[in-house]
Amino acid sequence: VRREVPGHLTDRLQEALWREILHMVNEDVATTGELDDSIVYGPGLRWAGMGTNLIYHLAGGETGMRHMLRQFGPALKWPWTRLEAPELTEELIDKMVAGTHAQAAGRSIRELERLRDDYLVAIQQVLREYNIGAGATLRSLEERLYAESAAAARAALRTAADAGAPAAGEPLRLL
């Protein structure tokens, strides 16, 4: 921490998210469950390995944070949040760019994307073991795909048997 501010950093960040959640629930935009799911299935997975700044650095593509701020920065003025955004001055943009470049530690956008994708898969695989969040979705998908492939294999065996092929476990007859 560069200087003292009231409250802990994480508490302040969570408070901003919490404030927006309260507004959305109050305005019947979404239920608490829908909002929690939007975090669990969205940024929650990404936050396990990268913070918001590095994630947005990736959102800028090959040119990183500078492009992201130039492209998406104007959206900060849209009325979809109750928090007022600071002015995107060149000084602030430069600080964001320098910070995310330092976080990237010399890794390219492609390397960071690969890292992100790899840990997202790993996190989902762990969550699958507990059948929660994105892991429950993964488990359900795998079960459906397994059932479909097993059904297709059984159908293929029936078709082969109907065509005179030996049944499973029977030796092949050479002609």
Protein backbone atom coordinates (compact mmCIF):
# COMPACT_ATOMS: atom_id res chain seq x y z
CA VAL A 1 0.00 0.00 0.00
CA ARG A 2 1.42 3.34 -1.05
CA ARG A 3 -0.43 5.40 1.54
CA GLU A 4 -3.02 4.98 4.25
CA VAL A 5 -6.68 5.18 3.30
CA PRO A 6 -9.77 4.48 5.39
CA GLY A 7 -10.67 0.79 5.28
CA HIS A 8 -8.78 -2.18 3.88
CA LEU A 9 -8.17 -2.31 0.13
CA THR A 10 -10.15 -5.51 -0.39
CA ASP A 11 -13.00 -4.27 1.79
CA ARG A 12 -13.27 -1.12 -0.30
CA LEU A 13 -13.31 -3.08 -3.55
CA GLN A 14 -15.90 -5.51 -2.21
CA GLU A 15 -17.97 -2.57 -0.96
CA ALA A 16 -18.12 -1.11 -4.48
CA LEU A 17 -19.38 -4.42 -5.85
CA TRP A 18 -21.78 -4.84 -2.92
CA ARG A 19 -23.20 -1.35 -3.46
CA GLU A 20 -23.94 -2.14 -7.10
CA ILE A 21 -25.54 -5.47 -6.10
CA LEU A 22 -27.83 -3.69 -3.65
CA HIS A 23 -28.94 -1.28 -6.38
CA MET A 24 -29.66 -4.13 -8.81
CA VAL A 25 -31.65 -6.15 -6.29
CA ASN A 26 -33.55 -3.06 -5.17
CA GLU A 27 -34.48 -2.26 -8.78
CA ASP A 28 -35.46 -5.89 -9.52
CA VAL A 29 -32.76 -6.17 -12.17
CA ALA A 30 -31.69 -9.56 -10.84
CA THR A 31 -32.03 -11.78 -7.79
CA THR A 32 -29.26 -12.28 -5.28
CA GLY A 33 -28.71 -15.76 -6.72
CA GLU A 34 -28.48 -14.50 -10.28
CA LEU A 35 -26.00 -11.84 -9.22
CA ASP A 36 -23.90 -14.34 -7.27
CA ASP A 37 -23.94 -16.67 -10.28
CA SER A 38 -22.76 -13.80 -12.47
CA ILE A 39 -19.71 -13.51 -10.22
CA VAL A 40 -19.13 -17.25 -9.70
CA TYR A 41 -19.31 -18.05 -13.42
CA GLY A 42 -17.66 -14.84 -14.61
CA PRO A 43 -15.00 -12.77 -12.91
CA GLY A 44 -14.80 -15.04 -9.86
CA LEU A 45 -13.07 -17.70 -11.92
CA ARG A 46 -10.68 -15.21 -13.49
CA TRP A 47 -9.99 -13.46 -10.18
CA ALA A 48 -8.62 -16.70 -8.76
CA GLY A 49 -5.49 -16.20 -10.86
CA MET A 50 -5.46 -12.62 -12.11
CA GLY A 51 -6.73 -9.38 -10.69
CA THR A 52 -9.01 -6.96 -12.46
CA ASN A 53 -6.18 -4.85 -13.85
CA LEU A 54 -4.34 -7.70 -15.52
CA ILE A 55 -7.62 -9.11 -16.87
CA TYR A 56 -8.44 -5.73 -18.42
CA HIS A 57 -4.89 -5.55 -19.77
CA LEU A 58 -5.73 -8.74 -21.68
CA ALA A 59 -9.00 -7.18 -22.86
CA GLY A 60 -6.95 -4.63 -24.78
CA GLY A 61 -5.57 -7.31 -27.07
CA GLU A 62 -1.98 -7.15 -28.23
CA THR A 63 -1.61 -3.51 -27.19
CA GLY A 64 -2.97 -4.16 -23.72
CA MET A 65 -4.23 -1.66 -21.18
CA ARG A 66 -3.74 1.48 -23.27
CA HIS A 67 -6.04 0.17 -26.01
CA MET A 68 -8.54 -1.19 -23.48
CA LEU A 69 -8.85 2.20 -21.79
CA ARG A 70 -9.15 4.04 -25.09
CA GLN A 71 -11.77 1.62 -26.42
CA PHE A 72 -13.81 0.92 -23.30
CA GLY A 73 -12.98 3.94 -21.15
CA PRO A 74 -15.89 6.01 -22.48
CA ALA A 75 -18.27 3.34 -21.14
CA LEU A 76 -17.25 4.44 -17.63
CA LYS A 77 -19.47 7.46 -18.17
CA TRP A 78 -22.52 5.36 -19.02
CA PRO A 79 -25.18 5.27 -16.32
CA TRP A 80 -24.94 1.56 -15.55
CA THR A 81 -23.11 1.99 -12.29
CA ARG A 82 -23.68 4.12 -9.22
CA LEU A 83 -19.98 4.83 -8.82
CA GLU A 84 -18.60 7.83 -10.61
CA ALA A 85 -15.46 7.05 -12.59
CA PRO A 86 -12.42 9.32 -12.50
CA GLU A 87 -11.44 11.26 -15.59
CA LEU A 88 -9.24 9.15 -17.85
CA THR A 89 -6.32 11.54 -18.05
CA GLU A 90 -3.10 10.65 -19.82
CA GLU A 91 -1.45 10.47 -16.41
CA LEU A 92 -3.96 7.88 -15.19
CA ILE A 93 -3.73 5.91 -18.44
CA ASP A 94 0.07 5.90 -18.18
CA LYS A 95 -0.12 4.66 -14.58
CA MET A 96 -2.50 1.86 -15.58
CA VAL A 97 -0.30 0.87 -18.53
CA ALA A 98 2.89 0.90 -16.46
CA GLY A 99 1.25 -1.07 -13.67
CA THR A 100 -0.11 -3.80 -15.91
CA HIS A 101 3.16 -4.06 -17.82
CA ALA A 102 4.93 -4.60 -14.50
CA GLN A 103 2.36 -7.24 -13.55
CA ALA A 104 2.82 -8.98 -16.87
CA ALA A 105 6.52 -9.34 -16.00
CA GLY A 106 7.62 -9.51 -19.61
CA ARG A 107 4.97 -12.03 -20.64
CA SER A 108 3.17 -11.32 -23.90
CA ILE A 109 -0.59 -11.03 -24.16
CA ARG A 110 -0.63 -14.49 -25.79
CA GLU A 111 1.36 -15.97 -22.90
CA LEU A 112 -0.97 -14.37 -20.37
CA GLU A 113 -4.02 -15.59 -22.26
CA ARG A 114 -2.63 -19.14 -22.25
CA LEU A 115 -1.91 -18.88 -18.52
CA ARG A 116 -5.44 -17.61 -17.88
CA ASP A 117 -7.04 -20.32 -20.01
CA ASP A 118 -4.99 -23.06 -18.36
CA TYR A 119 -5.88 -22.02 -14.83
CA LEU A 120 -9.54 -21.52 -15.73
CA VAL A 121 -9.71 -25.13 -16.91
CA ALA A 122 -7.88 -26.32 -13.79
CA ILE A 123 -10.21 -24.36 -11.49
CA GLN A 124 -13.28 -25.77 -13.21
CA GLN A 125 -11.87 -29.28 -12.85
CA VAL A 126 -11.41 -28.76 -9.11
CA LEU A 127 -14.91 -27.30 -8.77
CA ARG A 128 -16.25 -30.32 -10.69
CA GLU A 129 -15.06 -32.57 -7.86
CA TYR A 130 -17.29 -30.59 -5.47
CA ASN A 131 -20.12 -30.21 -8.01
CA ILE A 132 -20.39 -26.46 -7.45
CA GLY A 133 -20.34 -23.38 -9.66
CA ALA A 134 -18.72 -23.81 -13.04
CA GLY A 135 -17.62 -27.27 -11.92
CA ALA A 136 -21.25 -28.41 -11.71
CA THR A 137 -21.77 -27.15 -15.25
CA LEU A 138 -18.65 -29.00 -16.41
CA ARG A 139 -19.76 -32.20 -14.67
CA SER A 140 -23.21 -31.99 -16.24
CA LEU A 141 -21.72 -31.42 -19.69
CA GLU A 142 -19.29 -34.33 -19.30
CA GLU A 143 -22.07 -36.64 -18.11
CA ARG A 144 -24.25 -35.66 -21.06
CA LEU A 145 -21.40 -36.13 -23.55
CA TYR A 146 -20.51 -39.49 -22.02
CA ALA A 147 -24.12 -40.66 -22.21
CA GLU A 148 -24.41 -39.48 -25.81
CA SER A 149 -21.17 -41.18 -26.86
CA ALA A 150 -22.13 -44.40 -25.07
CA ALA A 151 -25.51 -44.38 -26.83
CA ALA A 152 -23.79 -43.76 -30.17
CA ALA A 153 -21.37 -46.63 -29.53
CA ARG A 154 -24.25 -48.99 -28.66
CA ALA A 155 -26.08 -47.93 -31.81
CA ALA A 156 -22.95 -48.52 -33.89
CA LEU A 157 -22.57 -52.01 -32.40
CA ARG A 158 -26.22 -52.80 -33.19
CA THR A 159 -25.75 -51.57 -36.76
CA ALA A 160 -22.60 -53.67 -37.14
CA ALA A 161 -24.36 -56.72 -35.70
CA ASP A 162 -27.28 -56.21 -38.08
CA ALA A 163 -24.77 -56.15 -40.93
CA GLY A 164 -23.39 -59.53 -39.88
CA ALA A 165 -20.36 -58.37 -37.93
CA PRO A 166 -19.36 -60.48 -34.93
CA ALA A 167 -20.84 -59.40 -31.62
CA ALA A 168 -18.65 -57.70 -29.07
CA GLY A 169 -16.25 -60.23 -27.58
CA GLU A 170 -16.54 -62.70 -30.48
CA PRO A 171 -13.48 -63.37 -32.60
CA LEU A 172 -13.28 -61.88 -36.06
CA ARG A 173 -13.65 -64.37 -38.88
CA LEU A 174 -11.21 -63.93 -41.71
CA LEU A 175 -12.57 -64.58 -45.17
